[in-house]
């Protein structure tokens, strides 16, 4: 396992997690954490072979800490990268609840959706007809829809779950739509509205908006004005213009924090807040 410790030594170390002395237990935790993620399969085997609930709980917490540290490292690298690829960012956030998910698996799910749209796509179509075609495939054929029943579920921020269940919140549905549109070469971007995330098609004389949460409804700048007026909010440039991928990831994280708060899981809400600090440094 290339950890400079034998299985016998590791077994002895893990067994000390059940020590009654808190100081010993903390020292052992730190030592195991220092060994890195390669030790996770060993810990999982120990968990499966144990009949001690306290020991199992300690192992679960250590494995979670290791996986969360890896998530934070990946998110830091992503935030500091020039590309800030959207699907990669969504995958990193997804590993909070699904740490075993490989990027290639997620990319495979996304490629299948893109393929379904692409096989129906025709470049000679008008701008509006291209959008209507995407809408038809995504919302009629593939049955993507708004998850209004469980709107505040953390699953709505997990791109893997959204791709598998075909249900999501405004930003997750917009993200899927955006990834498909970009791969088709269309000038579609995310737009950060208060309480709602939408898309804009912006190229030359064409500028309109798309609401993926409402089956790809096309609307105008005046509709945004009316929406802001209804909320009694002053218009700001960012309510009309494309946002960067890091803004999308930032909003996904905020949604996840809020989701955990709504279901009363304050420990997870607090933990995910650490991710927000990473992207806020950018």
Protein backbone atom coordinates (compact mmCIF):
# COMPACT_ATOMS: atom_id res chain seq x y z
CA UNK A 1 0.00 0.00 0.00
CA UNK A 2 3.11 2.19 -0.01
CA UNK A 3 2.33 3.70 3.38
CA UNK A 4 5.56 2.59 5.11
CA UNK A 5 3.47 0.69 7.61
CA UNK A 6 2.71 -3.02 7.64
CA UNK A 7 -0.84 -4.36 7.87
CA UNK A 8 -0.01 -5.51 11.39
CA UNK A 9 1.02 -1.97 12.38
CA UNK A 10 -2.06 -0.49 10.72
CA UNK A 11 -4.33 -2.96 12.53
CA UNK A 12 -2.75 -2.01 15.83
CA UNK A 13 -3.14 1.68 15.03
CA UNK A 14 -6.81 1.40 14.05
CA UNK A 15 -7.61 -0.66 17.14
CA UNK A 16 -6.46 2.31 19.26
CA UNK A 17 -9.36 4.38 17.87
CA UNK A 18 -11.45 2.67 20.51
CA UNK A 19 -9.12 3.79 23.30
CA UNK A 20 -10.83 5.39 26.30
CA UNK A 21 -8.17 8.12 26.48
CA UNK A 22 -9.32 11.01 24.26
CA UNK A 23 -5.77 12.27 23.83
CA UNK A 24 -4.60 8.89 22.55
CA UNK A 25 -7.60 8.74 20.21
CA UNK A 26 -6.84 12.19 18.76
CA UNK A 27 -3.18 11.29 18.24
CA UNK A 28 -4.20 8.10 16.42
CA UNK A 29 -6.70 10.02 14.26
CA UNK A 30 -4.02 12.51 13.25
CA UNK A 31 -1.59 9.70 12.45
CA UNK A 32 -4.12 7.86 10.27
CA UNK A 33 -5.12 11.08 8.48
CA UNK A 34 -1.44 11.78 7.74
CA UNK A 35 -1.25 8.50 5.82
CA UNK A 36 -3.51 9.94 3.11
CA UNK A 37 -6.37 8.64 0.98
CA UNK A 38 -4.59 5.47 -0.11
CA UNK A 39 -5.46 4.00 3.26
CA UNK A 40 -9.22 4.36 2.69
CA UNK A 41 -9.74 0.83 1.23
CA UNK A 42 -7.94 -0.61 4.26
CA UNK A 43 -10.16 1.41 6.62
CA UNK A 44 -13.29 0.34 4.77
CA UNK A 45 -12.28 -3.30 5.14
CA UNK A 46 -11.72 -2.73 8.86
CA UNK A 47 -15.17 -1.15 9.12
CA UNK A 48 -16.81 -4.12 7.38
CA UNK A 49 -15.00 -6.61 9.61
CA UNK A 50 -15.82 -4.83 12.86
CA UNK A 51 -18.74 -5.50 15.19
CA UNK A 52 -17.88 -2.47 17.32
CA UNK A 53 -20.25 0.45 16.58
CA UNK A 54 -17.92 2.97 18.25
CA UNK A 55 -14.94 1.87 16.18
CA UNK A 56 -17.06 1.90 13.02
CA UNK A 57 -18.17 5.45 13.80
CA UNK A 58 -14.55 6.59 14.28
CA UNK A 59 -13.55 4.98 10.96
CA UNK A 60 -16.51 6.61 9.17
CA UNK A 61 -15.49 10.04 10.45
CA UNK A 62 -11.85 9.59 9.44
CA UNK A 63 -12.77 8.39 5.93
CA UNK A 64 -15.16 11.33 5.55
CA UNK A 65 -12.46 13.78 6.69
CA UNK A 66 -10.02 12.31 4.16
CA UNK A 67 -12.55 12.54 1.34
CA UNK A 68 -13.52 16.09 2.31
CA UNK A 69 -9.87 17.17 2.40
CA UNK A 70 -9.45 15.76 -1.12
CA UNK A 71 -12.56 17.64 -2.24
CA UNK A 72 -11.15 20.91 -0.87
CA UNK A 73 -7.80 20.30 -2.62
CA UNK A 74 -9.58 19.65 -5.92
CA UNK A 75 -11.79 22.71 -5.53
CA UNK A 76 -8.77 24.88 -4.73
CA UNK A 77 -6.99 23.62 -7.86
CA UNK A 78 -10.13 24.17 -9.94
CA UNK A 79 -10.58 27.70 -8.58
CA UNK A 80 -6.97 28.55 -9.40
CA UNK A 81 -7.11 27.05 -12.89
CA UNK A 82 -7.55 29.18 -16.00
CA UNK A 83 -10.18 26.95 -17.63
CA UNK A 84 -12.57 26.44 -14.71
CA UNK A 85 -14.45 23.81 -16.71
CA UNK A 86 -18.07 23.77 -15.55
CA UNK A 87 -18.62 19.99 -15.56
CA UNK A 88 -15.41 19.45 -13.59
CA UNK A 89 -16.52 22.00 -10.99
CA UNK A 90 -19.93 20.35 -10.70
CA UNK A 91 -18.27 16.94 -10.34
CA UNK A 92 -16.06 18.20 -7.50
CA UNK A 93 -19.12 19.46 -5.58
CA UNK A 94 -20.89 16.17 -6.38
CA UNK A 95 -18.14 14.22 -4.58
CA UNK A 96 -19.32 15.71 -1.29
CA UNK A 97 -22.21 13.22 -1.21
CA UNK A 98 -20.79 10.74 -3.77
CA UNK A 99 -17.04 10.56 -3.07
CA UNK A 100 -16.60 7.40 -5.15
CA UNK A 101 -17.87 9.02 -8.36
CA UNK A 102 -15.17 9.34 -11.02
CA UNK A 103 -15.25 12.26 -13.43
CA UNK A 104 -15.28 9.86 -16.39
CA UNK A 105 -18.56 8.33 -15.17
CA UNK A 106 -20.18 11.76 -14.93
CA UNK A 107 -18.80 12.80 -18.30
CA UNK A 108 -20.25 9.62 -19.81
CA UNK A 109 -23.74 10.50 -18.52
CA UNK A 110 -23.39 14.02 -19.91
CA UNK A 111 -22.13 12.78 -23.28
CA UNK A 112 -25.22 10.60 -23.71
CA UNK A 113 -27.53 13.59 -23.19
CA UNK A 114 -25.49 15.67 -25.61
CA UNK A 115 -25.63 12.85 -28.17
CA UNK A 116 -29.42 12.66 -27.90
CA UNK A 117 -29.68 16.39 -28.66
CA UNK A 118 -26.95 16.39 -31.32
CA UNK A 119 -28.59 13.60 -33.38
CA UNK A 120 -31.63 15.87 -33.79
CA UNK A 121 -29.67 19.09 -34.31
CA UNK A 122 -29.50 20.96 -37.64
CA UNK A 123 -27.09 23.87 -38.11
CA UNK A 124 -29.26 25.44 -40.80
CA UNK A 125 -32.08 26.09 -38.35
CA UNK A 126 -32.81 29.63 -37.19
CA UNK A 127 -31.52 30.72 -33.78
CA UNK A 128 -34.91 30.36 -32.11
CA UNK A 129 -35.58 27.00 -33.76
CA UNK A 130 -32.25 25.67 -32.46
CA UNK A 131 -33.29 26.55 -28.92
CA UNK A 132 -36.75 25.07 -29.46
CA UNK A 133 -35.12 21.86 -30.68
CA UNK A 134 -32.95 21.61 -27.54
CA UNK A 135 -36.07 22.27 -25.46
CA UNK A 136 -37.99 19.55 -27.24
CA UNK A 137 -35.30 16.89 -26.76
CA UNK A 138 -34.46 17.82 -23.16
CA UNK A 139 -37.92 18.47 -21.78
CA UNK A 140 -40.17 16.31 -23.98
CA UNK A 141 -38.00 13.40 -25.12
CA UNK A 142 -35.60 13.07 -22.16
CA UNK A 143 -38.20 14.33 -19.67
CA UNK A 144 -36.01 16.75 -17.72
CA UNK A 145 -38.22 18.72 -15.33
CA UNK A 146 -38.29 21.01 -12.30
CA UNK A 147 -38.06 19.24 -8.95
CA UNK A 148 -40.82 21.27 -7.34
CA UNK A 149 -41.83 18.47 -4.97
CA UNK A 150 -38.41 18.32 -3.27
CA UNK A 151 -37.10 21.75 -4.21
CA UNK A 152 -34.79 22.08 -1.18
CA UNK A 153 -33.31 18.60 -1.40
CA UNK A 154 -29.47 18.56 -1.43
CA UNK A 155 -29.77 16.09 -4.33
CA UNK A 156 -30.78 19.01 -6.57
CA UNK A 157 -27.21 20.30 -6.29
CA UNK A 158 -25.71 16.90 -7.16
CA UNK A 159 -25.23 16.80 -10.94
CA UNK A 160 -25.08 12.97 -11.00
CA UNK A 161 -28.51 12.72 -9.34
CA UNK A 162 -29.94 15.37 -11.68
CA UNK A 163 -28.69 13.51 -14.76
CA UNK A 164 -30.07 10.20 -13.49
CA UNK A 165 -33.45 11.37 -12.17
CA UNK A 166 -33.93 14.12 -14.80
CA UNK A 167 -35.10 16.43 -12.01
CA UNK A 168 -33.34 19.46 -10.60
CA UNK A 169 -33.44 23.05 -9.40
CA UNK A 170 -32.97 26.13 -11.64
CA UNK A 171 -29.18 26.15 -11.55
CA UNK A 172 -28.68 22.40 -12.04
CA UNK A 173 -31.10 22.24 -14.98
CA UNK A 174 -29.51 25.36 -16.48
CA UNK A 175 -26.06 23.78 -16.04
CA UNK A 176 -27.07 20.67 -18.02
CA UNK A 177 -28.67 22.86 -20.70
CA UNK A 178 -25.61 25.12 -20.81
CA UNK A 179 -23.18 22.21 -21.18
CA UNK A 180 -25.22 20.82 -24.09
CA UNK A 181 -25.56 24.22 -25.80
CA UNK A 182 -21.83 24.97 -25.46
CA UNK A 183 -20.90 21.62 -26.97
CA UNK A 184 -23.18 22.46 -29.91
CA UNK A 185 -21.23 25.72 -30.32
CA UNK A 186 -24.08 28.00 -29.24
CA UNK A 187 -23.41 31.32 -27.43
CA UNK A 188 -25.42 30.40 -24.33
CA UNK A 189 -24.36 31.59 -20.87
CA UNK A 190 -25.57 31.56 -17.29
CA UNK A 191 -27.26 34.59 -15.71
CA UNK A 192 -27.42 35.17 -11.95
CA UNK A 193 -30.86 36.51 -11.07
CA UNK A 194 -32.05 36.91 -7.47
CA UNK A 195 -33.82 33.68 -6.38
CA UNK A 196 -33.58 32.31 -9.92
CA UNK A 197 -30.85 31.16 -12.28
CA UNK A 198 -31.48 31.46 -16.03
CA UNK A 199 -29.59 31.42 -19.32
CA UNK A 200 -29.02 33.95 -22.05
CA UNK A 201 -28.41 33.52 -25.77
CA UNK A 202 -26.11 36.38 -26.70
CA UNK A 203 -24.63 36.89 -30.15
CA UNK A 204 -24.81 39.95 -32.41
CA UNK A 205 -28.38 41.16 -32.78
CA UNK A 206 -29.69 38.15 -30.86
CA UNK A 207 -30.09 38.47 -27.12
CA UNK A 208 -32.81 36.69 -25.25
CA UNK A 209 -33.19 34.58 -22.12
CA UNK A 210 -34.05 30.94 -21.43
CA UNK A 211 -35.62 29.51 -18.27
CA UNK A 212 -34.59 25.85 -18.05
CA UNK A 213 -36.62 25.48 -14.85
CA UNK A 214 -39.72 26.21 -16.95
CA UNK A 215 -39.05 23.82 -19.86
CA UNK A 216 -36.78 26.25 -21.71
CA UNK A 217 -39.23 29.16 -21.80
CA UNK A 218 -37.83 32.01 -23.91
CA UNK A 219 -38.23 35.51 -22.47
CA UNK A 220 -36.91 39.06 -22.83
CA UNK A 221 -35.09 41.79 -20.93
CA UNK A 222 -38.43 43.41 -20.17
CA UNK A 223 -39.53 40.22 -18.45
CA UNK A 224 -36.46 40.50 -16.20
CA UNK A 225 -37.39 44.13 -15.49
CA UNK A 226 -40.89 43.01 -14.50
CA UNK A 227 -39.47 40.22 -12.34
CA UNK A 228 -37.16 42.61 -10.48
CA UNK A 229 -39.97 45.12 -10.10
CA UNK A 230 -42.13 42.39 -8.58
CA UNK A 231 -39.34 41.64 -6.07
CA UNK A 232 -38.92 45.39 -5.46
CA UNK A 233 -35.26 45.19 -6.44
CA UNK A 234 -33.20 47.71 -8.38
CA UNK A 235 -31.80 46.42 -11.67
CA UNK A 236 -28.08 45.61 -11.67
CA UNK A 237 -25.89 44.79 -14.70
CA UNK A 238 -25.25 41.24 -13.44
CA UNK A 239 -28.97 40.51 -13.61
CA UNK A 240 -28.82 40.77 -17.39
CA UNK A 241 -25.30 39.71 -18.40
CA UNK A 242 -23.47 36.36 -18.63
CA UNK A 243 -21.70 35.14 -15.51
CA UNK A 244 -18.48 33.14 -15.18
CA UNK A 245 -18.38 29.43 -14.35
CA UNK A 246 -17.02 30.20 -10.89
CA UNK A 247 -20.22 32.17 -10.21
CA UNK A 248 -22.24 29.10 -11.12
CA UNK A 249 -20.23 26.88 -8.76
CA UNK A 250 -20.46 29.52 -6.03
CA UNK A 251 -24.23 29.52 -6.36
CA UNK A 252 -24.41 25.71 -6.38
CA UNK A 253 -22.48 25.69 -3.10
CA UNK A 254 -24.78 28.33 -1.59
CA UNK A 255 -27.81 26.27 -2.63
CA UNK A 256 -26.28 23.20 -0.98
CA UNK A 257 -25.63 25.10 2.26
CA UNK A 258 -29.22 26.34 2.27
CA UNK A 259 -30.57 22.85 1.48
CA UNK A 260 -28.80 21.33 4.48
CA UNK A 261 -30.07 24.18 6.68
CA UNK A 262 -33.65 23.56 5.49
CA UNK A 263 -33.50 19.86 6.36
CA UNK A 264 -31.86 20.61 9.72
CA UNK A 265 -28.43 19.12 8.98
CA UNK A 266 -26.41 22.02 10.39
CA UNK A 267 -23.15 20.03 10.58
CA UNK A 268 -23.14 19.50 6.81
CA UNK A 269 -24.25 23.08 6.22
CA UNK A 270 -21.31 24.33 8.27
CA UNK A 271 -18.90 21.95 6.53
CA UNK A 272 -19.99 22.98 3.01
CA UNK A 273 -19.52 26.62 4.05
CA UNK A 274 -15.77 25.87 3.99
CA UNK A 275 -16.11 25.25 0.24
CA UNK A 276 -17.67 28.67 -0.22
CA UNK A 277 -14.59 30.27 1.37
CA UNK A 278 -12.39 28.58 -1.23
CA UNK A 279 -14.26 29.96 -4.26
CA UNK A 280 -14.80 33.35 -2.58
CA UNK A 281 -11.01 33.86 -2.52
CA UNK A 282 -11.01 34.06 -6.31
